[in-house]
PDB file of N, CA and C in Angstrom:
ATOM      1  N   MET A   1     301.635 -40.588 133.548  1.00  0.00           N
ATOM      2  CA  MET A   1     303.244 -40.375 134.066  1.00  0.00           C
ATOM      3  C   MET A   1     303.221 -39.041 132.722  1.00  0.00           C
ATOM      4  N   PRO A   2     304.221 -38.017 133.425  1.00  0.00           N
ATOM      5  CA  PRO A   2     304.554 -37.104 132.739  1.00  0.00           C
ATOM      6  C   PRO A   2     305.292 -37.052 131.155  1.00  0.00           C
ATOM      7  N   GLN A   3     305.037 -36.163 130.867  1.00  0.00           N
ATOM      8  CA  GLN A   3     305.391 -36.094 129.228  1.00  0.00           C
ATOM      9  C   GLN A   3     306.511 -35.266 129.282  1.00  0.00           C
ATOM     10  N   LEU A   4     306.293 -34.195 129.910  1.00  0.00           N
ATOM     11  CA  LEU A   4     307.074 -32.741 129.820  1.00  0.00           C
ATOM     12  C   LEU A   4     308.596 -32.847 130.504  1.00  0.00           C
ATOM     13  N   GLN A   5     309.701 -32.493 130.106  1.00  0.00           N
ATOM     14  CA  GLN A   5     310.497 -33.158 131.321  1.00  0.00           C
ATOM     15  C   GLN A   5     311.055 -32.038 132.672  1.00  0.00           C
ATOM     16  N   ALA A   6     310.014 -30.734 132.342  1.00  0.00           N
ATOM     17  CA  ALA A   6     309.711 -30.073 134.105  1.00  0.00           C
ATOM     18  C   ALA A   6     308.843 -30.815 134.674  1.00  0.00           C
ATOM     19  N   ALA A   7     307.577 -31.415 133.850  1.00  0.00           N
ATOM     20  CA  ALA A   7     307.432 -32.347 134.681  1.00  0.00           C
ATOM     21  C   ALA A   7     307.933 -33.757 135.702  1.00  0.00           C
ATOM     22  N   LYS A   8     308.542 -34.003 134.522  1.00  0.00           N
ATOM     23  CA  LYS A   8     309.236 -35.527 134.848  1.00  0.00           C
ATOM     24  C   LYS A   8     310.117 -34.807 136.435  1.00  0.00           C
ATOM     25  N   LYS A   9     310.522 -33.876 136.178  1.00  0.00           N
ATOM     26  CA  LYS A   9     311.712 -33.268 137.695  1.00  0.00           C
ATOM     27  C   LYS A   9     310.564 -33.034 138.473  1.00  0.00           C
ATOM     28  N   ALA A  10     309.817 -32.250 138.097  1.00  0.00           N
ATOM     29  CA  ALA A  10     308.980 -31.919 139.484  1.00  0.00           C
ATOM     30  C   ALA A  10     308.140 -33.387 139.985  1.00  0.00           C
ATOM     31  N   LEU A  11     307.595 -34.749 139.216  1.00  0.00           N
ATOM     32  CA  LEU A  11     307.802 -35.847 139.960  1.00  0.00           C
ATOM     33  C   LEU A  11     308.749 -36.218 141.075  1.00  0.00           C
ATOM     34  N   ARG A  12     309.710 -36.337 140.463  1.00  0.00           N
ATOM     35  CA  ARG A  12     311.045 -37.190 141.327  1.00  0.00           C
ATOM     36  C   ARG A  12     311.248 -35.924 142.342  1.00  0.00           C
ATOM     37  N   VAL A  13     310.908 -34.646 142.676  1.00  0.00           N
ATOM     38  CA  VAL A  13     311.091 -33.592 143.152  1.00  0.00           C
ATOM     39  C   VAL A  13     310.558 -33.837 144.861  1.00  0.00           C
ATOM     40  N   SER A  14     309.312 -34.341 144.058  1.00  0.00           N
ATOM     41  CA  SER A  14     307.901 -34.044 145.397  1.00  0.00           C
ATOM     42  C   SER A  14     307.879 -35.413 145.707  1.00  0.00           C
ATOM     43  N   ASP A  15     308.411 -36.543 144.523  1.00  0.00           N
ATOM     44  CA  ASP A  15     309.090 -38.069 145.582  1.00  0.00           C
ATOM     45  C   ASP A  15     309.962 -37.725 146.182  1.00  0.00           C
ATOM     46  N   ARG A  16     310.806 -37.107 146.477  1.00  0.00           N
ATOM     47  CA  ARG A  16     311.662 -36.990 147.134  1.00  0.00           C
ATOM     48  C   ARG A  16     311.341 -36.413 149.157  1.00  0.00           C
ATOM     49  N   LYS A  17     310.519 -35.599 148.493  1.00  0.00           N
ATOM     50  CA  LYS A  17     310.107 -34.213 149.502  1.00  0.00           C
ATOM     51  C   LYS A  17     309.217 -35.453 150.623  1.00  0.00           C
ATOM     52  N   ARG A  18     308.079 -36.165 149.611  1.00  0.00           N
ATOM     53  CA  ARG A  18     306.858 -36.715 150.313  1.00  0.00           C
ATOM     54  C   ARG A  18     308.095 -38.261 151.042  1.00  0.00           C
ATOM     55  N   ALA A  19     309.069 -38.710 150.684  1.00  0.00           N
ATOM     56  CA  ALA A  19     309.315 -39.978 151.314  1.00  0.00           C
ATOM     57  C   ALA A  19     310.660 -38.631 152.871  1.00  0.00           C
ATOM     58  N   PHE A  20     310.949 -37.369 152.593  1.00  0.00           N
ATOM     59  CA  PHE A  20     311.387 -37.035 153.385  1.00  0.00           C
ATOM     60  C   PHE A  20     310.247 -36.811 154.873  1.00  0.00           C
ATOM     61  N   ASN A  21     309.503 -36.241 154.733  1.00  0.00           N
ATOM     62  CA  ASN A  21     308.156 -36.137 155.458  1.00  0.00           C
ATOM     63  C   ASN A  21     307.914 -37.051 156.096  1.00  0.00           C
ATOM     64  N   ASP A  22     307.711 -38.165 155.424  1.00  0.00           N
ATOM     65  CA  ASP A  22     307.137 -39.735 155.964  1.00  0.00           C
ATOM     66  C   ASP A  22     307.967 -39.924 156.761  1.00  0.00           C
ATOM     67  N   ARG A  23     309.441 -39.928 156.586  1.00  0.00           N
ATOM     68  CA  ARG A  23     310.453 -40.021 157.584  1.00  0.00           C
ATOM     69  C   ARG A  23     310.097 -39.291 159.066  1.00  0.00           C
ATOM     70  N   TRP A  24     309.727 -37.777 158.877  1.00  0.00           N
ATOM     71  CA  TRP A  24     309.387 -37.193 159.641  1.00  0.00           C
ATOM     72  C   TRP A  24     308.352 -37.867 160.529  1.00  0.00           C
ATOM     73  N   ARG A  25     307.337 -37.810 159.787  1.00  0.00           N
ATOM     74  CA  ARG A  25     305.946 -38.374 160.460  1.00  0.00           C
ATOM     75  C   ARG A  25     305.945 -39.503 161.453  1.00  0.00           C
ATOM     76  N   ARG A  26     306.883 -40.528 160.942  1.00  0.00           N
ATOM     77  CA  ARG A  26     307.294 -41.893 161.272  1.00  0.00           C
ATOM     78  C   ARG A  26     308.239 -41.482 162.868  1.00  0.00           C
ATOM     79  N   LYS A  27     308.832 -40.365 162.756  1.00  0.00           N
ATOM     80  CA  LYS A  27     309.405 -40.268 163.613  1.00  0.00           C
ATOM     81  C   LYS A  27     308.355 -39.822 164.954  1.00  0.00           C
ATOM     82  N   MET A  28     307.631 -38.711 164.696  1.00  0.00           N
ATOM     83  CA  MET A  28     306.874 -38.321 165.432  1.00  0.00           C
ATOM     84  C   MET A  28     306.112 -39.018 165.875  1.00  0.00           C
ATOM     85  N   ARG A  29     305.241 -39.960 165.294  1.00  0.00           N
ATOM     86  CA  ARG A  29     304.255 -41.119 165.796  1.00  0.00           C
ATOM     87  C   ARG A  29     305.665 -41.681 167.048  1.00  0.00           C
ATOM     88  N   ASP A  30     306.344 -42.515 165.838  1.00  0.00           N
ATOM     89  CA  ASP A  30     306.662 -43.128 167.673  1.00  0.00           C
ATOM     90  C   ASP A  30     307.192 -42.512 168.690  1.00  0.00           C
ATOM     91  N   ALA A  31     307.612 -41.421 168.385  1.00  0.00           N
ATOM     92  CA  ALA A  31     307.633 -40.430 169.893  1.00  0.00           C
ATOM     93  C   ALA A  31     306.808 -40.150 171.015  1.00  0.00           C
ATOM     94  N   LEU A  32     305.309 -39.914 169.727  1.00  0.00           N
ATOM     95  CA  LEU A  32     304.078 -39.457 170.469  1.00  0.00           C
ATOM     96  C   LEU A  32     303.869 -41.023 171.840  1.00  0.00           C
ATOM     97  N   HIS A  33     303.938 -41.841 170.808  1.00  0.00           N
ATOM     98  CA  HIS A  33     303.406 -43.558 171.336  1.00  0.00           C
ATOM     99  C   HIS A  33     304.714 -43.925 172.008  1.00  0.00           C
ATOM    100  N   GLU A  34     305.484 -43.887 172.384  1.00  0.00           N
ATOM    101  CA  GLU A  34     305.877 -44.070 173.333  1.00  0.00           C
ATOM    102  C   GLU A  34     305.898 -42.942 174.639  1.00  0.00           C
ATOM    103  N   LEU A  35     305.788 -41.773 174.302  1.00  0.00           N
ATOM    104  CA  LEU A  35     305.113 -40.901 175.742  1.00  0.00           C
ATOM    105  C   LEU A  35     303.978 -41.296 176.236  1.00  0.00           C
ATOM    106  N   ARG A  36     303.014 -41.403 175.075  1.00  0.00           N
ATOM    107  CA  ARG A  36     301.313 -42.006 175.595  1.00  0.00           C
ATOM    108  C   ARG A  36     301.657 -43.318 176.535  1.00  0.00           C
ATOM    109  N   ASP A  37     302.726 -44.543 176.156  1.00  0.00           N
ATOM    110  CA  ASP A  37     302.702 -45.540 176.908  1.00  0.00           C
ATOM    111  C   ASP A  37     303.709 -44.980 178.079  1.00  0.00           C
ATOM    112  N   ALA A  38     304.388 -44.298 178.057  1.00  0.00           N
ATOM    113  CA  ALA A  38     304.921 -43.553 179.896  1.00  0.00           C
ATOM    114  C   ALA A  38     304.032 -43.037 180.540  1.00  0.00           C
ATOM    115  N   ILE A  39     303.256 -42.178 179.812  1.00  0.00           N
ATOM    116  CA  ILE A  39     301.864 -41.977 180.311  1.00  0.00           C
ATOM    117  C   ILE A  39     301.012 -43.140 181.039  1.00  0.00           C
ATOM    118  N   ASP A  40     300.922 -43.590 180.258  1.00  0.00           N
ATOM    119  CA  ASP A  40     299.611 -44.502 180.701  1.00  0.00           C
ATOM    120  C   ASP A  40     300.319 -45.353 181.476  1.00  0.00           C
ATOM    121  N   SER A  41     301.620 -45.749 181.835  1.00  0.00           N
ATOM    122  CA  SER A  41     301.761 -46.202 183.102  1.00  0.00           C
ATOM    123  C   SER A  41     302.523 -45.683 184.095  1.00  0.00           C
ATOM    124  N   ASN A  42     302.077 -44.784 183.861  1.00  0.00           N
ATOM    125  CA  ASN A  42     301.859 -43.888 185.514  1.00  0.00           C
ATOM    126  C   ASN A  42     303.604 -43.581 185.971  1.00  0.00           C
ATOM    127  N   ASP A  43     304.679 -43.566 185.035  1.00  0.00           N
ATOM    128  CA  ASP A  43     306.193 -43.547 185.374  1.00  0.00           C
ATOM    129  C   ASP A  43     306.069 -42.142 184.805  1.00  0.00           C
ATOM    130  N   LYS A  44     306.433 -41.498 186.108  1.00  0.00           N
ATOM    131  CA  LYS A  44     306.464 -39.892 186.161  1.00  0.00           C
ATOM    132  C   LYS A  44     308.060 -39.500 185.171  1.00  0.00           C
ATOM    133  N   LYS A  45     308.854 -40.001 185.682  1.00  0.00           N
ATOM    134  CA  LYS A  45     310.619 -40.210 185.574  1.00  0.00           C
ATOM    135  C   LYS A  45     310.432 -40.443 183.681  1.00  0.00           C
ATOM    136  N   ALA A  46     310.018 -41.418 183.565  1.00  0.00           N
ATOM    137  CA  ALA A  46     309.893 -41.937 181.785  1.00  0.00           C
ATOM    138  C   ALA A  46     309.333 -41.186 181.215  1.00  0.00           C
ATOM    139  N   ALA A  47     308.330 -41.079 181.511  1.00  0.00           N
ATOM    140  CA  ALA A  47     306.975 -39.486 180.510  1.00  0.00           C
ATOM    141  C   ALA A  47     307.756 -38.387 181.056  1.00  0.00           C
ATOM    142  N   GLU A  48     308.909 -37.591 181.599  1.00  0.00           N
ATOM    143  CA  GLU A  48     309.591 -36.427 181.354  1.00  0.00           C
ATOM    144  C   GLU A  48     310.373 -36.564 180.517  1.00  0.00           C
ATOM    145  N   GLU A  49     311.214 -37.522 180.739  1.00  0.00           N
ATOM    146  CA  GLU A  49     311.851 -37.986 179.751  1.00  0.00           C
ATOM    147  C   GLU A  49     311.362 -38.559 178.200  1.00  0.00           C
ATOM    148  N   ALA A  50     310.847 -38.936 177.972  1.00  0.00           N
ATOM    149  CA  ALA A  50     309.969 -39.563 176.435  1.00  0.00           C
ATOM    150  C   ALA A  50     309.517 -37.899 176.114  1.00  0.00           C
ATOM    151  N   PHE A  51     308.997 -36.864 177.090  1.00  0.00           N
ATOM    152  CA  PHE A  51     308.180 -35.604 176.676  1.00  0.00           C
ATOM    153  C   PHE A  51     309.591 -34.887 175.986  1.00  0.00           C
ATOM    154  N   GLN A  52     310.164 -34.865 176.753  1.00  0.00           N
ATOM    155  CA  GLN A  52     311.722 -34.089 176.298  1.00  0.00           C
ATOM    156  C   GLN A  52     311.987 -34.545 175.000  1.00  0.00           C
ATOM    157  N   LYS A  53     312.194 -35.183 174.963  1.00  0.00           N
ATOM    158  CA  LYS A  53     312.623 -36.340 173.531  1.00  0.00           C
ATOM    159  C   LYS A  53     311.685 -35.591 172.455  1.00  0.00           C
ATOM    160  N   THR A  54     310.185 -35.917 172.463  1.00  0.00           N
ATOM    161  CA  THR A  54     309.119 -35.530 171.664  1.00  0.00           C
ATOM    162  C   THR A  54     308.657 -34.205 171.168  1.00  0.00           C
ATOM    163  N   GLU A  55     309.039 -33.270 172.623  1.00  0.00           N
ATOM    164  CA  GLU A  55     309.000 -31.940 172.103  1.00  0.00           C
ATOM    165  C   GLU A  55     310.357 -31.940 171.489  1.00  0.00           C
ATOM    166  N   SER A  56     311.371 -31.891 171.149  1.00  0.00           N
ATOM    167  CA  SER A  56     312.317 -31.440 170.741  1.00  0.00           C
ATOM    168  C   SER A  56     312.434 -32.110 169.145  1.00  0.00           C
ATOM    169  N   ILE A  57     311.440 -33.330 169.011  1.00  0.00           N
ATOM    170  CA  ILE A  57     311.082 -34.063 167.251  1.00  0.00           C
ATOM    171  C   ILE A  57     309.589 -32.986 166.934  1.00  0.00           C
ATOM    172  N   LEU A  58     308.964 -32.675 167.783  1.00  0.00           N
ATOM    173  CA  LEU A  58     307.855 -31.744 167.522  1.00  0.00           C
ATOM    174  C   LEU A  58     308.397 -30.313 166.707  1.00  0.00           C
ATOM    175  N   ASP A  59     309.646 -30.168 167.506  1.00  0.00           N
ATOM    176  CA  ASP A  59     309.908 -28.307 166.800  1.00  0.00           C
ATOM    177  C   ASP A  59     311.082 -28.202 165.957  1.00  0.00           C
ATOM    178  N   ARG A  60     311.698 -29.683 166.029  1.00  0.00           N
ATOM    179  CA  ARG A  60     312.476 -29.992 164.492  1.00  0.00           C
ATOM    180  C   ARG A  60     311.363 -30.174 163.283  1.00  0.00           C
ATOM    181  N   ALA A  61     310.230 -30.521 163.485  1.00  0.00           N
ATOM    182  CA  ALA A  61     309.335 -31.025 162.229  1.00  0.00           C
ATOM    183  C   ALA A  61     308.839 -29.890 161.660  1.00  0.00           C
ATOM    184  N   THR A  62     308.322 -29.008 162.966  1.00  0.00           N
ATOM    185  CA  THR A  62     307.857 -27.347 162.737  1.00  0.00           C
ATOM    186  C   THR A  62     308.798 -26.734 162.205  1.00  0.00           C
ATOM    187  N   ARG A  63     309.952 -26.507 162.322  1.00  0.00           N
ATOM    188  CA  ARG A  63     311.082 -25.938 161.867  1.00  0.00           C
ATOM    189  C   ARG A  63     311.025 -26.208 160.235  1.00  0.00           C
ATOM    190  N   ARG A  64     311.128 -27.645 159.931  1.00  0.00           N
ATOM    191  CA  ARG A  64     311.287 -28.059 158.668  1.00  0.00           C
ATOM    192  C   ARG A  64     309.600 -27.852 158.071  1.00  0.00           C
ATOM    193  N   HIS A  65     308.667 -27.317 158.532  1.00  0.00           N
ATOM    194  CA  HIS A  65     307.470 -26.967 157.346  1.00  0.00           C
ATOM    195  C   HIS A  65     306.708 -28.038 156.819  1.00  0.00           C
ATOM    196  N   ILE A  66     306.756 -28.820 158.370  1.00  0.00           N
ATOM    197  CA  ILE A  66     305.867 -30.604 158.265  1.00  0.00           C
ATOM    198  C   ILE A  66     304.748 -30.259 159.068  1.00  0.00           C
ATOM    199  N   LEU A  67     304.642 -29.601 160.055  1.00  0.00           N
ATOM    200  CA  LEU A  67     303.740 -29.342 161.237  1.00  0.00           C
ATOM    201  C   LEU A  67     303.520 -28.054 161.224  1.00  0.00           C
ATOM    202  N   HIS A  68     302.580 -27.493 161.385  1.00  0.00           N
ATOM    203  CA  HIS A  68     301.863 -25.736 161.877  1.00  0.00           C
ATOM    204  C   HIS A  68     302.310 -25.404 163.053  1.00  0.00           C
ATOM    205  N   PRO A  69     302.984 -24.372 163.203  1.00  0.00           N
ATOM    206  CA  PRO A  69     303.333 -24.366 164.630  1.00  0.00           C
ATOM    207  C   PRO A  69     302.490 -24.218 165.925  1.00  0.00           C
ATOM    208  N   ASN A  70     300.972 -23.630 165.163  1.00  0.00           N
ATOM    209  CA  ASN A  70     299.672 -24.261 166.529  1.00  0.00           C
ATOM    210  C   ASN A  70     299.594 -25.529 166.442  1.00  0.00           C
ATOM    211  N   LYS A  71     299.667 -26.062 165.681  1.00  0.00           N
ATOM    212  CA  LYS A  71     299.326 -27.594 166.325  1.00  0.00           C
ATOM    213  C   LYS A  71     300.332 -28.132 167.114  1.00  0.00           C
ATOM    214  N   THR A  72     301.519 -27.934 166.712  1.00  0.00           N
ATOM    215  CA  THR A  72     303.088 -28.177 167.620  1.00  0.00           C
ATOM    216  C   THR A  72     302.243 -27.614 168.850  1.00  0.00           C
ATOM    217  N   ALA A  73     302.531 -26.358 169.032  1.00  0.00           N
ATOM    218  CA  ALA A  73     301.963 -25.431 170.542  1.00  0.00           C
ATOM    219  C   ALA A  73     300.977 -26.503 170.924  1.00  0.00           C
ATOM    220  N   ARG A  74     299.737 -26.705 170.082  1.00  0.00           N
ATOM    221  CA  ARG A  74     298.759 -27.113 171.030  1.00  0.00           C
ATOM    222  C   ARG A  74     298.962 -28.772 171.400  1.00  0.00           C
ATOM    223  N   LYS A  75     299.680 -29.669 170.942  1.00  0.00           N
ATOM    224  CA  LYS A  75     300.188 -30.640 171.016  1.00  0.00           C
ATOM    225  C   LYS A  75     301.585 -30.655 172.392  1.00  0.00           C
ATOM    226  N   LYS A  76     302.288 -29.978 172.357  1.00  0.00           N
ATOM    227  CA  LYS A  76     303.083 -29.469 173.359  1.00  0.00           C
ATOM    228  C   LYS A  76     302.395 -29.471 174.701  1.00  0.00           C
ATOM    229  N   SER A  77     301.435 -28.860 174.637  1.00  0.00           N
ATOM    230  CA  SER A  77     300.720 -27.945 175.936  1.00  0.00           C
ATOM    231  C   SER A  77     299.448 -29.499 176.228  1.00  0.00           C
ATOM    232  N   ARG A  78     299.402 -29.977 175.879  1.00  0.00           N
ATOM    233  CA  ARG A  78     298.261 -31.149 176.128  1.00  0.00           C
ATOM    234  C   ARG A  78     299.310 -32.179 176.631  1.00  0.00           C
ATOM    235  N   LEU A  79     299.979 -32.332 176.090  1.00  0.00           N
ATOM    236  CA  LEU A  79     300.882 -33.727 176.647  1.00  0.00           C
ATOM    237  C   LEU A  79     301.379 -33.483 177.798  1.00  0.00           C
ATOM    238  N   LYS A  80     302.179 -31.788 177.871  1.00  0.00           N
ATOM    239  CA  LYS A  80     302.754 -31.340 178.833  1.00  0.00           C
ATOM    240  C   LYS A  80     301.754 -31.527 180.216  1.00  0.00           C
ATOM    241  N   ARG A  81     300.593 -30.904 180.086  1.00  0.00           N
ATOM    242  CA  ARG A  81     299.487 -31.303 180.729  1.00  0.00           C
ATOM    243  C   ARG A  81     299.394 -32.564 181.571  1.00  0.00           C
ATOM    244  N   ALA A  82     299.353 -33.684 180.215  1.00  0.00           N
ATOM    245  CA  ALA A  82     299.643 -35.542 180.632  1.00  0.00           C
ATOM    246  C   ALA A  82     300.303 -35.653 181.870  1.00  0.00           C
ATOM    247  N   VAL A  83     301.846 -34.830 181.013  1.00  0.00           N
ATOM    248  CA  VAL A  83     302.807 -35.428 182.214  1.00  0.00           C
ATOM    249  C   VAL A  83     302.290 -34.921 183.422  1.00  0.00           C
ATOM    250  N   SER A  84     302.118 -33.718 183.433  1.00  0.00           N
ATOM    251  CA  SER A  84     301.569 -33.233 185.050  1.00  0.00           C
ATOM    252  C   SER A  84     301.166 -33.574 185.720  1.00  0.00           C
ATOM    253  N   ALA A  85     299.780 -34.174 185.064  1.00  0.00           N
ATOM    254  CA  ALA A  85     299.223 -34.570 186.321  1.00  0.00           C
ATOM    255  C   ALA A  85     299.290 -36.099 186.420  1.00  0.00           C
ATOM    256  N   ILE A  86     300.512 -36.937 186.166  1.00  0.00           N
ATOM    257  CA  ILE A  86     300.885 -37.930 186.846  1.00  0.00           C
ATOM    258  C   ILE A  86     301.448 -38.192 188.305  1.00  0.00           C
ATOM    259  N   LYS A  87     300.704 -38.411 189.059  1.00  0.00           N
ATOM    260  CA  LYS A  87     301.211 -38.141 190.904  1.00  0.00           C
ATOM    261  C   LYS A  87     302.442 -39.100 190.634  1.00  0.00           C
TER     262      LYS A  87
END
């Protein structure tokens, strides 16, 4: 455990930030899972709606520096291609 006051505060701050980031990561995973389920079921309308929701969540996570912008762009591109491939 930290001994110095500054180290104690740094621990509290990092715990809050970790909890915040964990919530966003859980949101992202849930949205991605929902989208993949819609893609697997070949339901184009549901997949497009899920893609809109997922895209928004990924963009917001990127603005909050939880994901790297390039990773977000890569994920969105691959997901959009998968949604477009549904007949």
